[in-house]
Amino acid sequence: MMNDMNIALTLVFSVVMLLFMIYPAMVVTEWLEEKMGMDEKWHNPVMLSLVVLFSLLIGLFLRFA
């Protein structure tokens, strides 16, 4: 029961952080395009993945810190 509550609270914190993690994901994606020569077709999938990853990481930090 408590494990389900931890997951729910982490997801709630992560959803709130989605909006705030867009800018860092854009910066990292542009850096990857410059340094790694990433294709333009990968820009949106990489940025979306980074937004979700950053949001989950911040949500975990907020929940357990």
N, C-alpha and C. Protein backbone atom coordinates (compact mmCIF):
# COMPACT_ATOMS: atom_id res chain seq x y z
N MET A 1 0.82 -1.20 0.00
CA MET A 1 0.00 0.00 0.00
C MET A 1 0.87 1.26 0.00
N MET A 2 1.88 1.29 0.84
CA MET A 2 2.74 2.46 0.90
C MET A 2 3.57 2.61 -0.37
N ASN A 3 3.92 1.48 -0.99
CA ASN A 3 4.68 1.53 -2.23
C ASN A 3 3.87 2.21 -3.33
N ASP A 4 2.57 1.92 -3.39
CA ASP A 4 1.69 2.56 -4.37
C ASP A 4 1.60 4.07 -4.13
N MET A 5 1.61 4.46 -2.87
CA MET A 5 1.54 5.89 -2.54
C MET A 5 2.82 6.60 -2.98
N ASN A 6 3.99 5.96 -2.81
CA ASN A 6 5.25 6.55 -3.26
C ASN A 6 5.25 6.75 -4.77
N ILE A 7 4.76 5.77 -5.51
CA ILE A 7 4.71 5.88 -6.97
C ILE A 7 3.76 7.00 -7.38
N ALA A 8 2.60 7.06 -6.75
CA ALA A 8 1.62 8.09 -7.09
C ALA A 8 2.16 9.50 -6.80
N LEU A 9 2.79 9.69 -5.67
CA LEU A 9 3.33 11.00 -5.34
C LEU A 9 4.48 11.39 -6.27
N THR A 10 5.31 10.43 -6.62
CA THR A 10 6.39 10.72 -7.56
C THR A 10 5.84 11.14 -8.91
N LEU A 11 4.81 10.48 -9.39
CA LEU A 11 4.20 10.84 -10.67
C LEU A 11 3.51 12.20 -10.61
N VAL A 12 2.89 12.52 -9.49
CA VAL A 12 2.26 13.83 -9.34
C VAL A 12 3.31 14.93 -9.39
N PHE A 13 4.41 14.76 -8.68
CA PHE A 13 5.49 15.75 -8.72
C PHE A 13 6.08 15.84 -10.11
N SER A 14 6.19 14.72 -10.81
CA SER A 14 6.78 14.70 -12.15
C SER A 14 5.91 15.42 -13.16
N VAL A 15 4.60 15.25 -13.07
CA VAL A 15 3.69 15.90 -14.01
C VAL A 15 3.77 17.41 -13.86
N VAL A 16 3.89 17.88 -12.63
CA VAL A 16 4.02 19.32 -12.40
C VAL A 16 5.31 19.85 -13.02
N MET A 17 6.38 19.06 -12.99
CA MET A 17 7.68 19.51 -13.47
C MET A 17 7.82 19.42 -15.00
N LEU A 18 6.89 18.79 -15.70
CA LEU A 18 6.99 18.66 -17.16
C LEU A 18 7.18 20.01 -17.83
N LEU A 19 6.41 20.99 -17.42
CA LEU A 19 6.49 22.32 -18.04
C LEU A 19 7.85 22.97 -17.81
N PHE A 20 8.38 22.80 -16.61
CA PHE A 20 9.64 23.46 -16.27
C PHE A 20 10.86 22.77 -16.87
N MET A 21 10.73 21.54 -17.28
CA MET A 21 11.88 20.80 -17.83
C MET A 21 12.00 20.92 -19.34
N ILE A 22 11.10 21.66 -19.98
CA ILE A 22 11.17 21.82 -21.44
C ILE A 22 12.42 22.59 -21.83
N TYR A 23 12.72 23.69 -21.15
CA TYR A 23 13.89 24.50 -21.52
C TYR A 23 15.21 23.74 -21.35
N PRO A 24 15.45 23.07 -20.21
CA PRO A 24 16.70 22.30 -20.11
C PRO A 24 16.81 21.21 -21.17
N ALA A 25 15.70 20.58 -21.51
CA ALA A 25 15.74 19.54 -22.55
C ALA A 25 16.06 20.14 -23.91
N MET A 26 15.54 21.34 -24.19
CA MET A 26 15.86 22.00 -25.46
C MET A 26 17.35 22.33 -25.53
N VAL A 27 17.91 22.82 -24.43
CA VAL A 27 19.32 23.18 -24.40
C VAL A 27 20.20 21.94 -24.60
N VAL A 28 19.87 20.86 -23.92
CA VAL A 28 20.66 19.63 -24.05
C VAL A 28 20.53 19.06 -25.46
N THR A 29 19.35 19.11 -26.04
CA THR A 29 19.15 18.60 -27.40
C THR A 29 19.93 19.41 -28.42
N GLU A 30 19.92 20.73 -28.27
CA GLU A 30 20.71 21.57 -29.18
C GLU A 30 22.20 21.30 -29.02
N TRP A 31 22.64 21.08 -27.78
CA TRP A 31 24.05 20.76 -27.54
C TRP A 31 24.42 19.43 -28.20
N LEU A 32 23.52 18.44 -28.10
CA LEU A 32 23.77 17.15 -28.74
C LEU A 32 23.84 17.28 -30.26
N GLU A 33 22.98 18.13 -30.83
CA GLU A 33 23.02 18.34 -32.28
C GLU A 33 24.34 18.96 -32.71
N GLU A 34 24.84 19.91 -31.92
CA GLU A 34 26.10 20.57 -32.27
C GLU A 34 27.29 19.65 -32.09
N LYS A 35 27.39 19.00 -30.95
CA LYS A 35 28.59 18.23 -30.60
C LYS A 35 28.61 16.84 -31.22
N MET A 36 27.46 16.19 -31.30
CA MET A 36 27.42 14.80 -31.76
C MET A 36 26.99 14.67 -33.22
N GLY A 37 26.57 15.75 -33.84
CA GLY A 37 26.12 15.68 -35.22
C GLY A 37 24.83 14.89 -35.38
N MET A 38 23.93 15.05 -34.42
CA MET A 38 22.67 14.31 -34.44
C MET A 38 21.80 14.78 -35.60
N ASP A 39 21.10 13.87 -36.22
CA ASP A 39 20.18 14.19 -37.32
C ASP A 39 19.04 15.08 -36.85
N GLU A 40 18.53 15.90 -37.75
CA GLU A 40 17.39 16.78 -37.44
C GLU A 40 16.13 15.97 -37.15
N LYS A 41 15.99 14.79 -37.75
CA LYS A 41 14.78 13.98 -37.54
C LYS A 41 14.69 13.44 -36.11
N TRP A 42 15.83 13.42 -35.40
CA TRP A 42 15.85 12.91 -34.03
C TRP A 42 15.61 14.02 -33.00
N HIS A 43 15.49 15.26 -33.45
CA HIS A 43 15.36 16.39 -32.52
C HIS A 43 14.15 16.23 -31.60
N ASN A 44 12.97 16.04 -32.17
CA ASN A 44 11.75 15.96 -31.35
C ASN A 44 11.71 14.73 -30.45
N PRO A 45 12.03 13.52 -30.96
CA PRO A 45 12.00 12.37 -30.04
C PRO A 45 13.00 12.47 -28.88
N VAL A 46 14.19 12.99 -29.17
CA VAL A 46 15.19 13.13 -28.12
C VAL A 46 14.75 14.17 -27.10
N MET A 47 14.22 15.30 -27.58
CA MET A 47 13.78 16.34 -26.67
C MET A 47 12.63 15.85 -25.79
N LEU A 48 11.67 15.17 -26.37
CA LEU A 48 10.54 14.65 -25.59
C LEU A 48 11.01 13.63 -24.56
N SER A 49 11.94 12.78 -24.95
CA SER A 49 12.48 11.79 -24.01
C SER A 49 13.21 12.47 -22.85
N LEU A 50 13.98 13.50 -23.16
CA LEU A 50 14.70 14.22 -22.12
C LEU A 50 13.75 14.96 -21.18
N VAL A 51 12.68 15.51 -21.71
CA VAL A 51 11.69 16.20 -20.86
C VAL A 51 11.11 15.21 -19.86
N VAL A 52 10.72 14.03 -20.34
CA VAL A 52 10.13 13.02 -19.45
C VAL A 52 11.17 12.52 -18.45
N LEU A 53 12.39 12.27 -18.90
CA LEU A 53 13.45 11.79 -18.01
C LEU A 53 13.77 12.82 -16.93
N PHE A 54 13.97 14.07 -17.33
CA PHE A 54 14.27 15.13 -16.35
C PHE A 54 13.13 15.30 -15.36
N SER A 55 11.89 15.24 -15.84
CA SER A 55 10.73 15.40 -14.95
C SER A 55 10.66 14.27 -13.94
N LEU A 56 10.90 13.04 -14.39
CA LEU A 56 10.89 11.91 -13.46
C LEU A 56 12.01 12.02 -12.43
N LEU A 57 13.18 12.46 -12.88
CA LEU A 57 14.29 12.60 -11.93
C LEU A 57 14.01 13.68 -10.88
N ILE A 58 13.45 14.80 -11.31
CA ILE A 58 13.11 15.86 -10.35
C ILE A 58 11.97 15.41 -9.46
N GLY A 59 11.00 14.69 -10.01
CA GLY A 59 9.91 14.15 -9.19
C GLY A 59 10.41 13.20 -8.12
N LEU A 60 11.35 12.34 -8.49
CA LEU A 60 11.96 11.43 -7.49
C LEU A 60 12.71 12.22 -6.43
N PHE A 61 13.44 13.22 -6.86
CA PHE A 61 14.18 14.05 -5.90
C PHE A 61 13.22 14.74 -4.93
N LEU A 62 12.15 15.33 -5.45
CA LEU A 62 11.20 16.03 -4.60
C LEU A 62 10.49 15.09 -3.64
N ARG A 63 10.23 13.88 -4.10
CA ARG A 63 9.50 12.93 -3.26
C ARG A 63 10.37 12.39 -2.12
N PHE A 64 11.61 12.09 -2.41
CA PHE A 64 12.44 11.40 -1.42
C PHE A 64 13.47 12.29 -0.73
N ALA A 65 13.54 13.56 -1.09
CA ALA A 65 14.51 14.45 -0.44
C ALA A 65 13.92 15.11 0.78
